[in-house]
Amino acid sequence: QVQLVESGGGSVQAGDSLRLSCAASGYTYSSYCMGWFRQTPGKEREWVAAIDSYGTTNYVDSVKGRFTISKDNAKNTLYLQMNSLKPEETAMYYCAMGKLLARGQAWRCRVSSTYKYWGQGTQVTVSL
């Protein structure tokens, strides 16, 4: 059973940085997506960033240039470095993992339906 455990959330001021981590275990996929999503109460979950098993990364336009997704395969850990945080980015951030059928399908990593496994979330609060 795949388990994803996020950490690194917290309360910061606008313009500050945070690095989220997601420790993954129990997966056997050789081809996969790992992504970060965020959600605030009353709003739909929003895809933020993703990386596939081949290292291809994608970001939602609003975070390009400020957020960086990466993974450490030796540690089975996914990261999201978030710089220049904005108050509107206050949300619960979730790590997710899903299977890819083949290489060259990085676009699937932008779609929430690709993801089968989800972490419990870590709260990020950005104040003025």
C-alpha atoms as a PDB file:
ATOM      1  CA  GLN A   1       0.000   0.000   0.000  1.00  0.00           C
ATOM      2  CA  VAL A   2       1.353   3.378  -1.018  1.00  0.00           C
ATOM      3  CA  GLN A   3       1.741   5.870   1.802  1.00  0.00           C
ATOM      4  CA  LEU A   4       2.471   9.548   1.366  1.00  0.00           C
ATOM      5  CA  VAL A   5       3.341  11.716   4.354  1.00  0.00           C
ATOM      6  CA  GLU A   6       3.699  15.463   3.933  1.00  0.00           C
ATOM      7  CA  SER A   7       5.611  17.793   6.204  1.00  0.00           C
ATOM      8  CA  GLY A   8       7.079  21.268   6.175  1.00  0.00           C
ATOM      9  CA  GLY A   9       3.989  23.419   6.294  1.00  0.00           C
ATOM     10  CA  GLY A  10       3.700  26.351   8.634  1.00  0.00           C
ATOM     11  CA  SER A  11       2.858  29.990   9.074  1.00  0.00           C
ATOM     12  CA  VAL A  12       4.964  32.552   7.253  1.00  0.00           C
ATOM     13  CA  GLN A  13       4.750  36.126   6.076  1.00  0.00           C
ATOM     14  CA  ALA A  14       4.237  37.228   2.518  1.00  0.00           C
ATOM     15  CA  GLY A  15       7.481  36.980   0.575  1.00  0.00           C
ATOM     16  CA  ASP A  16       8.881  34.205   2.740  1.00  0.00           C
ATOM     17  CA  SER A  17       9.821  30.705   1.645  1.00  0.00           C
ATOM     18  CA  LEU A  18       8.851  27.209   2.702  1.00  0.00           C
ATOM     19  CA  ARG A  19       9.898  23.767   1.569  1.00  0.00           C
ATOM     20  CA  LEU A  20       7.345  21.008   1.695  1.00  0.00           C
ATOM     21  CA  SER A  21       8.370  17.382   1.791  1.00  0.00           C
ATOM     22  CA  CYS A  22       6.456  14.225   0.960  1.00  0.00           C
ATOM     23  CA  ALA A  23       7.879  10.885   2.036  1.00  0.00           C
ATOM     24  CA  ALA A  24       6.622   8.067  -0.159  1.00  0.00           C
ATOM     25  CA  SER A  25       6.638   4.366   0.609  1.00  0.00           C
ATOM     26  CA  GLY A  26       5.104   1.160  -0.624  1.00  0.00           C
ATOM     27  CA  TYR A  27       4.962   1.988  -4.323  1.00  0.00           C
ATOM     28  CA  THR A  28       6.145  -0.290  -7.087  1.00  0.00           C
ATOM     29  CA  TYR A  29       5.462   1.902 -10.107  1.00  0.00           C
ATOM     30  CA  SER A  30       8.363   2.340 -12.476  1.00  0.00           C
ATOM     31  CA  SER A  31       6.491   5.033 -14.384  1.00  0.00           C
ATOM     32  CA  TYR A  32       4.568   7.543 -12.295  1.00  0.00           C
ATOM     33  CA  CYS A  33       3.500  11.085 -11.563  1.00  0.00           C
ATOM     34  CA  MET A  34       4.024  12.810  -8.260  1.00  0.00           C
ATOM     35  CA  GLY A  35       2.304  16.085  -7.706  1.00  0.00           C
ATOM     36  CA  TRP A  36       1.352  18.816  -5.297  1.00  0.00           C
ATOM     37  CA  PHE A  37      -2.165  20.129  -4.989  1.00  0.00           C
ATOM     38  CA  ARG A  38      -3.688  22.727  -2.705  1.00  0.00           C
ATOM     39  CA  GLN A  39      -7.154  23.407  -1.406  1.00  0.00           C
ATOM     40  CA  THR A  40      -8.899  25.995   0.705  1.00  0.00           C
ATOM     41  CA  PRO A  41     -12.305  25.478   2.332  1.00  0.00           C
ATOM     42  CA  GLY A  42     -15.132  25.939  -0.123  1.00  0.00           C
ATOM     43  CA  LYS A  43     -12.892  25.847  -3.166  1.00  0.00           C
ATOM     44  CA  GLU A  44     -11.944  23.115  -5.570  1.00  0.00           C
ATOM     45  CA  ARG A  45      -8.618  21.417  -5.220  1.00  0.00           C
ATOM     46  CA  GLU A  46      -6.009  23.062  -7.424  1.00  0.00           C
ATOM     47  CA  TRP A  47      -3.094  21.348  -9.088  1.00  0.00           C
ATOM     48  CA  VAL A  48       0.161  23.214  -8.333  1.00  0.00           C
ATOM     49  CA  ALA A  49       3.105  21.244  -9.692  1.00  0.00           C
ATOM     50  CA  ALA A  50       4.093  17.784 -10.829  1.00  0.00           C
ATOM     51  CA  ILE A  51       7.087  15.716 -11.739  1.00  0.00           C
ATOM     52  CA  ASP A  52       7.088  12.390 -13.482  1.00  0.00           C
ATOM     53  CA  SER A  53       9.431   9.463 -13.019  1.00  0.00           C
ATOM     54  CA  TYR A  54      11.495  10.717 -15.952  1.00  0.00           C
ATOM     55  CA  GLY A  55      12.095  14.101 -14.352  1.00  0.00           C
ATOM     56  CA  THR A  56       9.696  16.171 -16.437  1.00  0.00           C
ATOM     57  CA  THR A  57       8.211  18.998 -14.397  1.00  0.00           C
ATOM     58  CA  ASN A  58       5.118  21.097 -14.855  1.00  0.00           C
ATOM     59  CA  TYR A  59       3.698  24.027 -12.930  1.00  0.00           C
ATOM     60  CA  VAL A  60       0.491  25.972 -12.801  1.00  0.00           C
ATOM     61  CA  ASP A  61       1.141  29.390 -14.340  1.00  0.00           C
ATOM     62  CA  SER A  62       0.665  31.270 -11.070  1.00  0.00           C
ATOM     63  CA  VAL A  63       3.687  29.620  -9.421  1.00  0.00           C
ATOM     64  CA  LYS A  64       6.129  29.454 -12.321  1.00  0.00           C
ATOM     65  CA  GLY A  65       9.424  31.056 -11.386  1.00  0.00           C
ATOM     66  CA  ARG A  66       8.666  30.879  -7.653  1.00  0.00           C
ATOM     67  CA  PHE A  67       8.015  27.201  -6.887  1.00  0.00           C
ATOM     68  CA  THR A  68      10.285  24.291  -7.677  1.00  0.00           C
ATOM     69  CA  ILE A  69       9.275  20.645  -7.520  1.00  0.00           C
ATOM     70  CA  SER A  70      11.944  18.000  -7.151  1.00  0.00           C
ATOM     71  CA  LYS A  71      12.424  14.468  -5.939  1.00  0.00           C
ATOM     72  CA  ASP A  72      15.168  12.558  -4.251  1.00  0.00           C
ATOM     73  CA  ASN A  73      14.878   9.003  -5.503  1.00  0.00           C
ATOM     74  CA  ALA A  74      17.343   7.680  -2.922  1.00  0.00           C
ATOM     75  CA  LYS A  75      15.145   9.036  -0.125  1.00  0.00           C
ATOM     76  CA  ASN A  76      11.826   8.398  -1.878  1.00  0.00           C
ATOM     77  CA  THR A  77      10.925  11.978  -1.094  1.00  0.00           C
ATOM     78  CA  LEU A  78       9.179  14.643  -3.092  1.00  0.00           C
ATOM     79  CA  TYR A  79       9.789  18.328  -2.399  1.00  0.00           C
ATOM     80  CA  LEU A  80       8.152  21.619  -3.190  1.00  0.00           C
ATOM     81  CA  GLN A  81      10.301  24.677  -2.662  1.00  0.00           C
ATOM     82  CA  MET A  82       8.024  27.686  -2.436  1.00  0.00           C
ATOM     83  CA  ASN A  83       9.518  31.163  -2.644  1.00  0.00           C
ATOM     84  CA  SER A  84       7.917  34.604  -2.550  1.00  0.00           C
ATOM     85  CA  LEU A  85       4.775  33.209  -1.010  1.00  0.00           C
ATOM     86  CA  LYS A  86       1.556  35.192  -1.286  1.00  0.00           C
ATOM     87  CA  PRO A  87      -1.366  35.366   1.161  1.00  0.00           C
ATOM     88  CA  GLU A  88      -3.706  33.910  -1.461  1.00  0.00           C
ATOM     89  CA  GLU A  89      -1.557  30.762  -1.432  1.00  0.00           C
ATOM     90  CA  THR A  90      -2.737  29.937   2.046  1.00  0.00           C
ATOM     91  CA  ALA A  91      -4.128  26.424   1.751  1.00  0.00           C
ATOM     92  CA  MET A  92      -3.797  22.808   2.703  1.00  0.00           C
ATOM     93  CA  TYR A  93      -1.149  21.320   0.455  1.00  0.00           C
ATOM     94  CA  TYR A  94      -1.415  17.698  -0.596  1.00  0.00           C
ATOM     95  CA  CYS A  95       1.076  15.334  -2.122  1.00  0.00           C
ATOM     96  CA  ALA A  96      -0.252  12.760  -4.574  1.00  0.00           C
ATOM     97  CA  MET A  97       1.000   9.859  -6.656  1.00  0.00           C
ATOM     98  CA  GLY A  98      -0.354   8.046  -9.675  1.00  0.00           C
ATOM     99  CA  LYS A  99       0.715   5.608 -12.316  1.00  0.00           C
ATOM    100  CA  LEU A 100       1.762   6.605 -15.799  1.00  0.00           C
ATOM    101  CA  LEU A 101       1.233   4.142 -18.607  1.00  0.00           C
ATOM    102  CA  ALA A 102       4.250   5.212 -20.633  1.00  0.00           C
ATOM    103  CA  ARG A 103       6.887   7.840 -21.099  1.00  0.00           C
ATOM    104  CA  GLY A 104       5.906  11.026 -22.854  1.00  0.00           C
ATOM    105  CA  GLN A 105       2.664  11.444 -20.940  1.00  0.00           C
ATOM    106  CA  ALA A 106       3.745  14.187 -18.563  1.00  0.00           C
ATOM    107  CA  TRP A 107       0.555  16.068 -19.403  1.00  0.00           C
ATOM    108  CA  ARG A 108      -1.351  13.454 -17.427  1.00  0.00           C
ATOM    109  CA  CYS A 109       0.455  14.654 -14.313  1.00  0.00           C
ATOM    110  CA  ARG A 110      -1.556  17.883 -14.435  1.00  0.00           C
ATOM    111  CA  VAL A 111      -4.827  16.016 -14.045  1.00  0.00           C
ATOM    112  CA  SER A 112      -6.104  15.041 -10.605  1.00  0.00           C
ATOM    113  CA  SER A 113      -7.797  11.911 -11.937  1.00  0.00           C
ATOM    114  CA  THR A 114      -4.326  10.493 -12.684  1.00  0.00           C
ATOM    115  CA  TYR A 115      -3.583  10.339  -8.984  1.00  0.00           C
ATOM    116  CA  LYS A 116      -4.656   7.353  -6.941  1.00  0.00           C
ATOM    117  CA  TYR A 117      -2.819   7.983  -3.686  1.00  0.00           C
ATOM    118  CA  TRP A 118      -2.968  11.097  -1.558  1.00  0.00           C
ATOM    119  CA  GLY A 119      -1.290  12.290   1.608  1.00  0.00           C
ATOM    120  CA  GLN A 120      -3.052  13.796   4.587  1.00  0.00           C
ATOM    121  CA  GLY A 121      -1.961  17.328   3.767  1.00  0.00           C
ATOM    122  CA  THR A 122       0.137  20.008   5.401  1.00  0.00           C
ATOM    123  CA  GLN A 123      -1.178  23.485   6.129  1.00  0.00           C
ATOM    124  CA  VAL A 124       0.524  26.546   4.695  1.00  0.00           C
ATOM    125  CA  THR A 125      -0.583  29.920   6.018  1.00  0.00           C
ATOM    126  CA  VAL A 126       0.781  33.112   4.510  1.00  0.00           C
ATOM    127  CA  SER A 127       0.027  36.402   6.256  1.00  0.00           C
ATOM    128  CA  LEU A 128       0.598  39.981   5.203  1.00  0.00           C
END
